[in-house]
Amino acid sequence: MVFGDALEKMKAGARMTRENWIFHDVVYAKYTEAGICPYLVVQSPGHDAIPYIATDVDLFADDWEMVP
């Protein structure tokens, strides 16, 4: 799946990853307390979520997949 499709799924509450990532990182959307300002975070197993900024490689990748 391409990033645009993955982003729409994240906005709807899905957690996404890329098949070619070495670690099992998960990217998902979070919202501010008022629910107005969405942003993406990335989380590795056993670590807190941190803000995620997609790289060019991530934006053009077609290996995005939903995490069950």
N, C-alpha and C. Protein backbone atom coordinates (compact mmCIF):
# COMPACT_ATOMS: atom_id res chain seq x y z
N MET A 1 0.85 -1.16 0.00
CA MET A 1 0.00 0.00 0.00
C MET A 1 0.90 1.23 0.00
N VAL A 2 0.45 2.31 -0.63
CA VAL A 2 1.22 3.54 -0.69
C VAL A 2 0.93 4.41 0.53
N PHE A 3 1.78 5.41 0.76
CA PHE A 3 1.67 6.23 1.96
C PHE A 3 0.32 6.94 2.05
N GLY A 4 -0.20 7.45 0.95
CA GLY A 4 -1.48 8.15 0.99
C GLY A 4 -2.59 7.27 1.53
N ASP A 5 -2.62 6.02 1.10
CA ASP A 5 -3.63 5.07 1.60
C ASP A 5 -3.38 4.76 3.07
N ALA A 6 -2.11 4.59 3.44
CA ALA A 6 -1.77 4.31 4.83
C ALA A 6 -2.16 5.48 5.72
N LEU A 7 -1.94 6.70 5.26
CA LEU A 7 -2.29 7.88 6.04
C LEU A 7 -3.80 7.93 6.30
N GLU A 8 -4.59 7.65 5.30
CA GLU A 8 -6.05 7.65 5.49
C GLU A 8 -6.46 6.61 6.53
N LYS A 9 -5.82 5.46 6.50
CA LYS A 9 -6.13 4.42 7.50
C LYS A 9 -5.69 4.86 8.90
N MET A 10 -4.53 5.53 8.99
CA MET A 10 -4.06 6.02 10.30
C MET A 10 -5.01 7.08 10.84
N LYS A 11 -5.51 7.94 9.98
CA LYS A 11 -6.46 8.97 10.40
C LYS A 11 -7.73 8.33 10.94
N ALA A 12 -8.06 7.14 10.45
CA ALA A 12 -9.26 6.42 10.90
C ALA A 12 -8.98 5.53 12.10
N GLY A 13 -7.72 5.54 12.62
CA GLY A 13 -7.42 4.78 13.82
C GLY A 13 -6.52 3.57 13.66
N ALA A 14 -6.13 3.26 12.44
CA ALA A 14 -5.28 2.08 12.21
C ALA A 14 -3.83 2.37 12.59
N ARG A 15 -3.11 1.31 12.89
CA ARG A 15 -1.66 1.37 13.13
C ARG A 15 -1.00 0.74 11.92
N MET A 16 0.04 1.41 11.42
CA MET A 16 0.69 0.97 10.18
C MET A 16 2.17 0.74 10.39
N THR A 17 2.75 -0.08 9.53
CA THR A 17 4.18 -0.32 9.52
C THR A 17 4.60 -0.49 8.08
N ARG A 18 5.91 -0.61 7.88
CA ARG A 18 6.43 -0.89 6.54
C ARG A 18 7.08 -2.25 6.56
N GLU A 19 6.84 -3.02 5.52
CA GLU A 19 7.38 -4.37 5.41
C GLU A 19 8.90 -4.37 5.47
N ASN A 20 9.54 -3.37 4.91
CA ASN A 20 11.01 -3.35 4.83
C ASN A 20 11.70 -2.74 6.04
N TRP A 21 10.96 -2.31 7.04
CA TRP A 21 11.60 -1.80 8.25
C TRP A 21 12.21 -2.95 9.04
N ILE A 22 13.43 -2.77 9.52
CA ILE A 22 14.14 -3.81 10.26
C ILE A 22 13.48 -4.04 11.62
N PHE A 23 13.13 -2.94 12.29
CA PHE A 23 12.51 -3.05 13.61
C PHE A 23 11.00 -3.08 13.44
N HIS A 24 10.28 -3.42 14.46
CA HIS A 24 8.82 -3.53 14.37
C HIS A 24 8.16 -2.22 14.78
N ASP A 25 8.61 -1.11 14.16
CA ASP A 25 8.04 0.20 14.46
C ASP A 25 6.61 0.29 13.94
N VAL A 26 5.79 1.02 14.67
CA VAL A 26 4.40 1.22 14.30
C VAL A 26 4.14 2.72 14.25
N VAL A 27 3.49 3.18 13.20
CA VAL A 27 3.13 4.59 13.05
C VAL A 27 1.62 4.71 13.16
N TYR A 28 1.17 5.71 13.90
CA TYR A 28 -0.27 5.94 14.02
C TYR A 28 -0.54 7.40 14.32
N ALA A 29 -1.78 7.80 14.15
CA ALA A 29 -2.19 9.19 14.38
C ALA A 29 -2.60 9.38 15.83
N LYS A 30 -2.22 10.51 16.38
CA LYS A 30 -2.68 10.93 17.70
C LYS A 30 -3.31 12.31 17.52
N TYR A 31 -4.12 12.68 18.47
CA TYR A 31 -4.79 13.97 18.40
C TYR A 31 -4.55 14.74 19.69
N THR A 32 -4.52 16.04 19.60
CA THR A 32 -4.37 16.85 20.80
C THR A 32 -5.59 16.63 21.69
N GLU A 33 -5.52 17.09 22.92
CA GLU A 33 -6.62 16.89 23.86
C GLU A 33 -7.94 17.42 23.33
N ALA A 34 -7.89 18.51 22.61
CA ALA A 34 -9.12 19.08 22.06
C ALA A 34 -9.58 18.30 20.82
N GLY A 35 -8.75 17.37 20.36
CA GLY A 35 -9.11 16.55 19.20
C GLY A 35 -9.04 17.30 17.89
N ILE A 36 -8.35 18.43 17.91
CA ILE A 36 -8.34 19.28 16.71
C ILE A 36 -7.12 19.03 15.84
N CYS A 37 -5.98 18.93 16.44
CA CYS A 37 -4.72 18.92 15.70
C CYS A 37 -4.11 17.52 15.67
N PRO A 38 -4.29 16.79 14.56
CA PRO A 38 -3.70 15.45 14.48
C PRO A 38 -2.21 15.50 14.16
N TYR A 39 -1.49 14.49 14.60
CA TYR A 39 -0.08 14.35 14.26
C TYR A 39 0.25 12.87 14.28
N LEU A 40 1.35 12.51 13.61
CA LEU A 40 1.77 11.11 13.55
C LEU A 40 2.86 10.85 14.58
N VAL A 41 2.82 9.66 15.15
CA VAL A 41 3.86 9.21 16.06
C VAL A 41 4.37 7.86 15.60
N VAL A 42 5.58 7.53 16.01
CA VAL A 42 6.15 6.22 15.73
C VAL A 42 6.51 5.62 17.08
N GLN A 43 6.28 4.31 17.19
CA GLN A 43 6.55 3.64 18.45
C GLN A 43 7.21 2.30 18.17
N SER A 44 8.31 2.06 18.87
CA SER A 44 8.99 0.77 18.80
C SER A 44 8.57 -0.05 20.01
N PRO A 45 8.59 -1.37 19.90
CA PRO A 45 8.22 -2.20 21.04
C PRO A 45 9.06 -1.85 22.27
N GLY A 46 8.39 -1.64 23.41
CA GLY A 46 9.08 -1.35 24.65
C GLY A 46 9.51 0.10 24.82
N HIS A 47 9.12 0.98 23.91
CA HIS A 47 9.50 2.38 23.97
C HIS A 47 8.26 3.27 23.88
N ASP A 48 8.40 4.50 24.37
CA ASP A 48 7.32 5.47 24.25
C ASP A 48 7.21 5.96 22.81
N ALA A 49 6.03 6.41 22.44
CA ALA A 49 5.81 6.99 21.12
C ALA A 49 6.49 8.35 21.03
N ILE A 50 7.06 8.63 19.86
CA ILE A 50 7.68 9.93 19.62
C ILE A 50 7.12 10.47 18.29
N PRO A 51 7.17 11.79 18.08
CA PRO A 51 6.66 12.36 16.83
C PRO A 51 7.35 11.73 15.62
N TYR A 52 6.60 11.53 14.56
CA TYR A 52 7.10 10.89 13.34
C TYR A 52 7.00 11.88 12.19
N ILE A 53 8.09 12.03 11.48
CA ILE A 53 8.11 12.82 10.25
C ILE A 53 8.53 11.88 9.14
N ALA A 54 7.66 11.68 8.18
CA ALA A 54 7.94 10.75 7.08
C ALA A 54 9.09 11.25 6.23
N THR A 55 9.98 10.35 5.87
CA THR A 55 11.08 10.67 4.96
C THR A 55 10.60 10.52 3.53
N ASP A 56 11.41 11.00 2.59
CA ASP A 56 11.08 10.81 1.18
C ASP A 56 10.93 9.33 0.85
N VAL A 57 11.80 8.53 1.42
CA VAL A 57 11.74 7.08 1.17
C VAL A 57 10.40 6.52 1.65
N ASP A 58 9.94 6.94 2.83
CA ASP A 58 8.65 6.47 3.35
C ASP A 58 7.49 6.96 2.50
N LEU A 59 7.56 8.22 2.05
CA LEU A 59 6.47 8.79 1.25
C LEU A 59 6.30 8.08 -0.09
N PHE A 60 7.40 7.64 -0.69
CA PHE A 60 7.32 6.99 -1.99
C PHE A 60 7.24 5.46 -1.92
N ALA A 61 7.32 4.91 -0.72
CA ALA A 61 7.29 3.45 -0.56
C ALA A 61 5.89 2.90 -0.85
N ASP A 62 5.86 1.67 -1.31
CA ASP A 62 4.56 1.02 -1.55
C ASP A 62 4.42 -0.27 -0.72
N ASP A 63 5.17 -0.34 0.39
CA ASP A 63 5.13 -1.53 1.23
C ASP A 63 4.48 -1.28 2.59
N TRP A 64 3.66 -0.24 2.70
CA TRP A 64 2.94 0.03 3.95
C TRP A 64 1.91 -1.06 4.18
N GLU A 65 1.75 -1.47 5.43
CA GLU A 65 0.76 -2.49 5.76
C GLU A 65 0.18 -2.24 7.14
N MET A 66 -1.05 -2.67 7.33
CA MET A 66 -1.73 -2.47 8.61
C MET A 66 -1.24 -3.49 9.62
N VAL A 67 -1.07 -3.02 10.86
CA VAL A 67 -0.69 -3.90 11.96
C VAL A 67 -1.97 -4.47 12.56
N PRO A 68 -2.06 -5.79 12.67
CA PRO A 68 -3.31 -6.37 13.23
C PRO A 68 -3.53 -5.99 14.69
